[in-house]
Amino acid sequence: TIIERVTGIRVKESTVLNPNLDPGIIGKKRIILDVHVKDEQNRHFNIEMQTTYKGLAEMMRFEFYGARALNNQLNSGKKYRDL
């Protein structure tokens, strides 16, 4: 799989998830991921595909996407180690 080739993490089974990450608050920025996948161990992967490098703004956007993806995985009352 592409996940294994890029990260070295072996994934036996995966599920494609909804690529829309809800901002949770009206008026906040909405995110649509290229590919959002969950594996059999409930690990989430965000695969973004780019044809060119667009600099710092693009890197900041990816960090924002990652932060939102983590936020959407952790429900109230859960421990950060559960991520």
Protein backbone atom coordinates (compact mmCIF):
# COMPACT_ATOMS: atom_id res chain seq x y z
CA THR A 1 0.00 0.00 0.00
CA ILE A 2 1.04 3.61 -0.33
CA ILE A 3 0.99 3.94 3.47
CA GLU A 4 3.54 1.16 3.83
CA ARG A 5 5.74 2.49 1.03
CA VAL A 6 5.86 6.01 2.45
CA THR A 7 5.86 5.36 6.22
CA GLY A 8 7.07 1.78 6.59
CA ILE A 9 3.93 1.06 8.66
CA ARG A 10 2.39 -2.25 7.65
CA VAL A 11 -1.38 -2.02 7.20
CA LYS A 12 -3.35 -5.23 6.68
CA GLU A 13 -6.77 -3.64 6.32
CA SER A 14 -7.97 -0.08 5.85
CA THR A 15 -11.23 1.81 5.49
CA VAL A 16 -11.62 4.97 3.45
CA LEU A 17 -13.29 7.59 5.66
CA ASN A 18 -15.22 10.75 4.90
CA PRO A 19 -12.62 13.26 3.65
CA ASN A 20 -14.59 16.23 5.05
CA LEU A 21 -13.30 17.32 8.46
CA ASP A 22 -16.02 19.26 10.23
CA PRO A 23 -14.72 22.47 11.81
CA GLY A 24 -17.13 22.01 14.71
CA ILE A 25 -17.90 25.73 14.80
CA ILE A 26 -19.89 27.67 12.21
CA GLY A 27 -17.67 30.12 10.37
CA LYS A 28 -14.40 28.21 10.92
CA LYS A 29 -12.37 26.86 8.02
CA ARG A 30 -13.64 23.62 6.45
CA ILE A 31 -11.14 20.96 5.38
CA ILE A 32 -11.45 18.34 2.65
CA LEU A 33 -8.63 15.78 2.68
CA ASP A 34 -7.43 14.04 -0.47
CA VAL A 35 -7.57 10.60 1.17
CA HIS A 36 -8.52 9.86 4.80
CA VAL A 37 -7.96 6.24 5.87
CA LYS A 38 -8.28 4.28 9.12
CA ASP A 39 -6.48 0.96 9.61
CA GLU A 40 -7.34 -2.15 11.63
CA GLN A 41 -5.65 -0.68 14.72
CA ASN A 42 -7.77 2.50 14.48
CA ARG A 43 -4.79 4.59 13.33
CA HIS A 44 -5.77 7.43 11.02
CA PHE A 45 -3.81 8.45 7.92
CA ASN A 46 -4.23 11.63 5.90
CA ILE A 47 -2.72 11.26 2.44
CA GLU A 48 -2.29 14.54 0.58
CA MET A 49 -1.17 14.50 -3.05
CA GLN A 50 0.64 17.46 -4.58
CA THR A 51 2.20 17.94 -7.99
CA THR A 52 4.40 20.90 -7.00
CA TYR A 53 5.84 22.43 -3.85
CA LYS A 54 4.26 25.77 -3.04
CA GLY A 55 6.33 26.79 -0.03
CA LEU A 56 5.67 27.67 3.58
CA ALA A 57 1.95 28.35 3.16
CA GLU A 58 1.42 24.80 1.93
CA MET A 59 3.40 23.35 4.85
CA MET A 60 1.29 25.39 7.28
CA ARG A 61 -1.89 24.13 5.60
CA PHE A 62 -0.73 20.52 6.07
CA GLU A 63 -0.02 21.19 9.75
CA PHE A 64 -3.51 22.67 10.11
CA TYR A 65 -5.02 19.60 8.42
CA GLY A 66 -3.10 17.30 10.76
CA ALA A 67 -4.18 19.21 13.85
CA ARG A 68 -7.83 19.09 12.79
CA ALA A 69 -7.58 15.37 11.99
CA LEU A 70 -6.17 14.70 15.48
CA ASN A 71 -8.86 16.86 17.08
CA ASN A 72 -11.59 14.90 15.29
CA GLN A 73 -10.21 11.61 16.68
CA LEU A 74 -10.31 12.59 20.36
CA ASN A 75 -13.67 12.86 22.08
CA SER A 76 -14.27 14.88 25.22
CA GLY A 77 -13.09 13.06 28.35
CA LYS A 78 -10.59 10.87 26.47
CA LYS A 79 -6.84 10.89 27.17
CA TYR A 80 -4.33 12.33 24.70
CA ARG A 81 -2.49 9.01 24.78
CA ASP A 82 -5.57 7.49 23.11
CA LEU A 83 -4.71 9.32 19.88
